[in-house]
Each structure stands twice: as structure tokens, then as C-alpha cells.
Amino acid sequence: MNTVRKLGLTLAVALALGASTVASAQTIGYNTRTGDVWVDNRLGEINDYGRQYRDPFIGEMTGNYGAPRSLITELLDQRRWSPGDVYYACAIASVLNLPCRDVVREYDRNPGQGWGNIAKRMGIKPGSPQFHALKRGTANTYDRWGYPISVDRDVRVDWSQHGPGKGKGGNKAGKGKASAAHHDGMDHGPGNSAKGHGPDHGKGQGQGRDEGKGKGGDKGKGDKGKGNGNGKPQ
């Protein structure tokens, strides 16, 4: 009986230690609670986007949020920040007109407390004009990624289905500032590269007249009559 009791006590202690370890693990790392369910959902989707489409994500952070590429790669690679955390740090910085690194330092002082607390300490309270600016900025980012959304309207975006080259927006060109990544000739939005407008939809450069059709079904520019040009996507 004593042996059974000892085994039972040992098992109970092991289970308690295991539960404590799990609870501890759950509190380590970054907490994306912002105080707004809509924003929390968007950060989860942005996290998915950044993991699947690294270069377009970094391009958004550098080109439209003004963060140094070296900082973004440091956070993602060396410090293992999630893309959602990287995005929100730089989004807060953009609203406050501060360097993204300042927000990162503020988070480092109080890790694990959630972005809602970070934003409050930096003067952005839920419902404030700055907080609404954060939400509009998120919607603008989705627009540049080819999936327009409305602030506070329920939506679920699966970026594996709507990412670069697969987007809801078809061959929608990105808006906003041109990012550094937009100049490398890669695909940075649904169906768009830095130079093109999607397959078989480039502007023609035909030498004929009256928009004569060139090779590949593209239209060549001209005045009147049939064209003899070879329309090529730009």
C-alpha cells in the first residue's frame, strides 16, 4: 500500500511539474493581444503572410513603414520575432512618427505583456485617433497586398489562396510608397511584378496602325489600319 501511495505521489508531483512547465512556456514570448479583436485577427493573418511571402513582407515594412531592412531581418532571423509582432511594432512607430527600433526597445523593457499595454504606455489608447490610424494602416497594407478589406468588418483571409500571384485582386497594382523590394523585379502583389502587369496583358509596342494585334495577343499602338508590331508585356 505504501508503494502504491509513493507511486501515486510521484505521479502527482510529475503532473504538477509538467503543468507548471506548460504554463510557463505559454507565458514566454510575444503576446499579440492588442485590446481589439479585429486587429488581433489581422495580426494572425499578417503573421501567416510574412511566413509564406518573406520578401513582399519585408518590402512592406521597409517601403511603407520606413523600417531599416537590417532591423527587420534581425527581428525575424536572430531574435525569432513573428512577422505579426514585427508588423505591429513598426505600425505603432509609424503612427507615432518614431523609428521602429524605439518601439522594439519599449517592448524589450516589458516583454510578454501584450501589444495593447505597449501601445497604451506609448500613448495609443483603444478608441483613440491613433488607434484608429493603426487600424486604417492595416487595411491599407491589405490593399497593397491585393486583398482590400474594411476596418472592423469581419473577414478571414487565407494567404495561401490569396497571396502574391493568387490574389483576390487579380492583377491589381500595389498602392502607396514604392518599397525597396518593388525594385528587384520580383512578384510583390497578386499577379504583379515590378515591371509587368501579368501574363499576356502587357502594353504592346507594335509598329502598325489602329491597335494592330501583335504576337501573344497583345495590342500594338498605332493610328489606323492593321498593325504589324510585336506587342510585348512591359
Protein backbone atom coordinates (compact mmCIF):
# COMPACT_ATOMS: atom_id res chain seq x y z
CA MET A 1 0.00 0.00 0.00
CA ASN A 2 2.87 2.32 0.86
CA THR A 3 4.43 1.59 -2.53
CA VAL A 4 1.18 2.46 -4.28
CA ARG A 5 0.95 5.67 -2.35
CA LYS A 6 4.52 6.59 -3.19
CA LEU A 7 3.89 5.92 -6.86
CA GLY A 8 0.73 7.99 -6.71
CA LEU A 9 2.55 10.87 -5.00
CA THR A 10 5.39 10.70 -7.53
CA LEU A 11 2.91 10.78 -10.41
CA ALA A 12 1.06 13.72 -8.89
CA VAL A 13 4.28 15.70 -8.49
CA ALA A 14 5.32 14.90 -12.05
CA LEU A 15 1.97 16.03 -13.39
CA ALA A 16 2.13 19.24 -11.36
CA LEU A 17 5.62 19.98 -12.62
CA GLY A 18 4.54 19.25 -16.17
CA ALA A 19 1.55 21.59 -15.88
CA SER A 20 3.80 24.28 -14.41
CA THR A 21 6.24 23.88 -17.29
CA VAL A 22 3.44 24.19 -19.88
CA ALA A 23 2.02 27.25 -18.15
CA SER A 24 5.47 28.80 -18.03
CA ALA A 25 6.04 28.05 -21.73
CA GLN A 26 2.77 29.69 -22.62
CA THR A 27 3.84 32.95 -20.97
CA ILE A 28 7.20 33.12 -22.72
CA GLY A 29 7.50 35.02 -25.98
CA TYR A 30 5.31 37.61 -27.59
CA ASN A 31 1.71 38.30 -26.74
CA THR A 32 -0.27 39.81 -29.59
CA ARG A 33 -3.25 40.95 -27.50
CA THR A 34 -3.97 44.47 -28.67
CA GLY A 35 -7.30 45.08 -26.97
CA ASP A 36 -9.16 44.82 -30.27
CA VAL A 37 -10.40 41.52 -31.72
CA TRP A 38 -10.34 42.79 -35.31
CA VAL A 39 -6.70 43.82 -35.01
CA ASP A 40 -5.78 40.55 -33.27
CA ASN A 41 -7.27 38.60 -36.18
CA ARG A 42 -5.40 40.72 -38.70
CA LEU A 43 -2.10 40.21 -36.89
CA GLY A 44 -2.64 36.46 -37.09
CA GLU A 45 -3.15 36.73 -40.84
CA ILE A 46 -0.20 39.08 -41.27
CA ASN A 47 1.86 36.52 -39.40
CA ASP A 48 0.82 33.88 -41.95
CA TYR A 49 1.57 36.23 -44.84
CA GLY A 50 5.04 37.08 -43.55
CA ARG A 51 5.96 33.43 -43.12
CA GLN A 52 4.77 32.45 -46.59
CA TYR A 53 5.93 35.54 -48.51
CA ARG A 54 9.02 36.81 -46.76
CA ASP A 55 10.32 39.25 -49.39
CA PRO A 56 6.99 41.04 -50.03
CA PHE A 57 6.51 41.28 -46.25
CA ILE A 58 9.93 42.83 -45.73
CA GLY A 59 9.23 45.14 -48.66
CA GLU A 60 6.09 46.37 -46.91
CA MET A 61 7.96 47.03 -43.68
CA THR A 62 10.80 48.90 -45.36
CA GLY A 63 8.91 50.71 -48.11
CA ASN A 64 5.67 51.69 -46.40
CA TYR A 65 6.60 51.69 -42.70
CA GLY A 66 10.11 53.07 -43.05
CA ALA A 67 11.89 50.36 -41.05
CA PRO A 68 15.51 49.51 -41.91
CA ARG A 69 15.83 46.17 -43.64
CA SER A 70 18.64 45.25 -41.24
CA LEU A 71 16.26 45.66 -38.28
CA ILE A 72 13.51 43.58 -39.88
CA THR A 73 15.85 40.70 -40.73
CA GLU A 74 17.40 40.88 -37.25
CA LEU A 75 13.99 40.58 -35.60
CA LEU A 76 12.86 37.76 -37.88
CA ASP A 77 16.07 35.73 -38.04
CA GLN A 78 18.22 36.41 -34.98
CA ARG A 79 15.54 37.26 -32.43
CA ARG A 80 12.83 34.96 -33.83
CA TRP A 81 10.07 37.55 -33.69
CA SER A 82 6.93 36.55 -35.53
CA PRO A 83 6.02 38.65 -38.60
CA GLY A 84 2.87 39.81 -36.81
CA ASP A 85 4.93 41.25 -33.94
CA VAL A 86 7.36 42.88 -36.35
CA TYR A 87 4.48 44.43 -38.26
CA TYR A 88 2.73 45.83 -35.19
CA ALA A 89 5.91 47.30 -33.71
CA CYS A 90 6.56 49.17 -36.95
CA ALA A 91 2.89 50.13 -37.32
CA ILE A 92 2.89 51.71 -33.85
CA ALA A 93 6.11 53.52 -34.70
CA SER A 94 4.61 54.83 -37.95
CA VAL A 95 1.55 56.26 -36.18
CA LEU A 96 3.73 57.95 -33.56
CA ASN A 97 6.28 59.11 -36.15
CA LEU A 98 9.06 57.24 -34.35
CA PRO A 99 11.75 54.82 -35.52
CA CYS A 100 10.56 51.22 -35.32
CA ARG A 101 13.59 50.42 -33.14
CA ASP A 102 12.19 52.70 -30.40
CA VAL A 103 9.05 50.56 -30.15
CA VAL A 104 11.15 47.39 -30.13
CA ARG A 105 13.15 48.77 -27.18
CA GLU A 106 9.94 49.62 -25.35
CA TYR A 107 8.73 46.05 -25.82
CA ASP A 108 12.06 44.68 -24.61
CA ARG A 109 11.64 46.56 -21.35
CA ASN A 110 8.36 44.74 -20.65
CA PRO A 111 8.34 41.51 -22.68
CA GLY A 112 5.30 39.27 -22.78
CA GLN A 113 2.75 41.85 -21.62
CA GLY A 114 0.96 42.23 -24.94
CA TRP A 115 0.90 44.92 -27.57
CA GLY A 116 -2.15 46.56 -26.02
CA ASN A 117 -0.10 47.50 -22.96
CA ILE A 118 2.82 48.64 -25.09
CA ALA A 119 0.56 50.88 -27.16
CA LYS A 120 -1.03 52.39 -24.03
CA ARG A 121 2.34 53.16 -22.47
CA MET A 122 3.32 54.91 -25.68
CA GLY A 123 0.12 56.98 -25.69
CA ILE A 124 -2.13 54.94 -28.01
CA LYS A 125 -5.32 54.02 -26.17
CA PRO A 126 -8.15 51.84 -27.55
CA GLY A 127 -10.64 54.05 -29.40
CA SER A 128 -8.20 56.95 -29.72
CA PRO A 129 -7.49 58.64 -33.07
CA GLN A 130 -4.04 57.00 -33.08
CA PHE A 131 -5.58 53.57 -32.58
CA HIS A 132 -8.00 54.14 -35.46
CA ALA A 133 -5.00 55.22 -37.55
CA LEU A 134 -3.36 51.87 -36.73
CA LYS A 135 -6.42 50.04 -38.00
CA ARG A 136 -6.59 52.10 -41.19
CA GLY A 137 -2.91 51.38 -41.75
CA THR A 138 -3.62 47.66 -41.52
CA ALA A 139 -6.39 47.97 -44.10
CA ASN A 140 -4.01 49.89 -46.38
CA THR A 141 -1.45 47.11 -46.07
CA TYR A 142 -4.03 44.52 -47.11
CA ASP A 143 -4.93 46.74 -50.06
CA ARG A 144 -1.30 46.83 -51.19
CA TRP A 145 -1.23 43.05 -50.86
CA GLY A 146 -4.18 42.82 -53.23
CA TYR A 147 -6.96 41.98 -50.76
CA PRO A 148 -8.94 45.14 -49.87
CA ILE A 149 -10.74 45.00 -46.52
CA SER A 150 -12.82 47.38 -44.43
CA VAL A 151 -11.93 48.34 -40.88
CA ASP A 152 -13.93 46.42 -38.27
CA ARG A 153 -15.71 44.29 -40.88
CA ASP A 154 -15.37 40.58 -40.18
CA VAL A 155 -13.17 38.83 -42.71
CA ARG A 156 -11.00 35.72 -42.91
CA VAL A 157 -8.10 35.76 -45.34
CA ASP A 158 -6.20 32.61 -46.25
CA TRP A 159 -2.97 33.93 -47.74
CA SER A 160 -2.10 30.53 -49.15
CA GLN A 161 -5.04 31.17 -51.51
CA HIS A 162 -4.75 34.96 -51.85
CA GLY A 163 -1.03 35.66 -51.69
CA PRO A 164 1.23 37.03 -54.45
CA GLY A 165 0.15 35.65 -57.81
CA LYS A 166 -3.09 34.20 -56.39
CA GLY A 167 -4.85 37.28 -55.11
CA LYS A 168 -8.46 38.28 -54.92
CA GLY A 169 -7.48 41.50 -56.65
CA GLY A 170 -6.20 39.74 -59.78
CA ASN A 171 -3.51 41.85 -61.41
CA LYS A 172 -4.03 44.71 -59.01
CA ALA A 173 -1.07 47.03 -58.77
CA GLY A 174 0.17 47.87 -55.28
CA LYS A 175 -0.54 51.31 -53.88
CA GLY A 176 1.38 53.62 -51.58
CA LYS A 177 5.08 54.27 -51.42
CA ALA A 178 7.34 52.20 -53.62
CA SER A 179 9.27 49.84 -51.41
CA ALA A 180 12.82 48.74 -51.93
CA ALA A 181 11.54 45.28 -52.73
CA HIS A 182 9.44 46.69 -55.55
CA HIS A 183 12.59 47.42 -57.49
CA ASP A 184 14.02 43.94 -57.60
CA GLY A 185 11.80 42.61 -60.40
CA MET A 186 10.04 40.08 -58.15
CA ASP A 187 6.33 39.50 -57.70
CA HIS A 188 5.07 41.75 -54.87
CA GLY A 189 1.32 41.59 -55.20
CA PRO A 190 -1.31 39.43 -56.80
CA GLY A 191 -0.14 38.86 -60.35
CA ASN A 192 2.21 41.86 -60.47
CA SER A 193 5.94 42.15 -60.81
CA ALA A 194 7.96 45.33 -60.60
CA LYS A 195 7.63 45.84 -64.34
CA GLY A 196 4.80 43.74 -65.69
CA HIS A 197 1.05 43.59 -65.46
CA GLY A 198 0.56 39.84 -65.65
CA PRO A 199 0.95 37.39 -68.49
CA ASP A 200 -0.44 38.39 -71.88
CA HIS A 201 -1.66 41.71 -70.57
CA GLY A 202 1.36 43.95 -71.18
CA LYS A 203 1.12 47.02 -73.33
CA GLY A 204 2.03 46.39 -76.95
CA GLN A 205 4.78 48.13 -78.80
CA GLY A 206 3.53 47.36 -82.32
CA GLN A 207 4.59 49.37 -85.29
CA GLY A 208 1.30 49.13 -87.18
CA ARG A 209 -1.84 51.21 -87.13
CA ASP A 210 -5.12 51.19 -85.28
CA GLU A 211 -4.02 48.92 -82.43
CA GLY A 212 -3.00 46.00 -84.63
CA LYS A 213 -2.58 42.77 -82.75
CA GLY A 214 0.96 41.62 -82.17
CA LYS A 215 2.26 38.26 -81.05
CA GLY A 216 0.85 36.77 -77.84
CA GLY A 217 -2.46 38.58 -78.23
CA ASP A 218 -1.10 41.96 -77.12
CA LYS A 219 -2.23 45.14 -78.81
CA GLY A 220 0.28 47.37 -80.52
CA LYS A 221 -0.13 51.13 -80.51
CA GLY A 222 -0.72 52.94 -83.79
CA ASP A 223 -3.04 55.26 -85.70
CA LYS A 224 -5.20 53.45 -88.24
CA GLY A 225 -5.26 50.18 -90.12
CA LYS A 226 -3.77 46.85 -89.16
CA GLY A 227 -0.64 46.67 -87.12
CA ASN A 228 2.42 44.60 -87.77
CA GLY A 229 4.04 45.06 -84.39
CA ASN A 230 5.13 42.53 -81.88
CA GLY A 231 3.28 43.51 -78.73
CA LYS A 232 5.30 42.65 -75.64
CA PRO A 233 4.43 42.93 -71.97
CA GLN A 234 6.40 45.75 -70.38
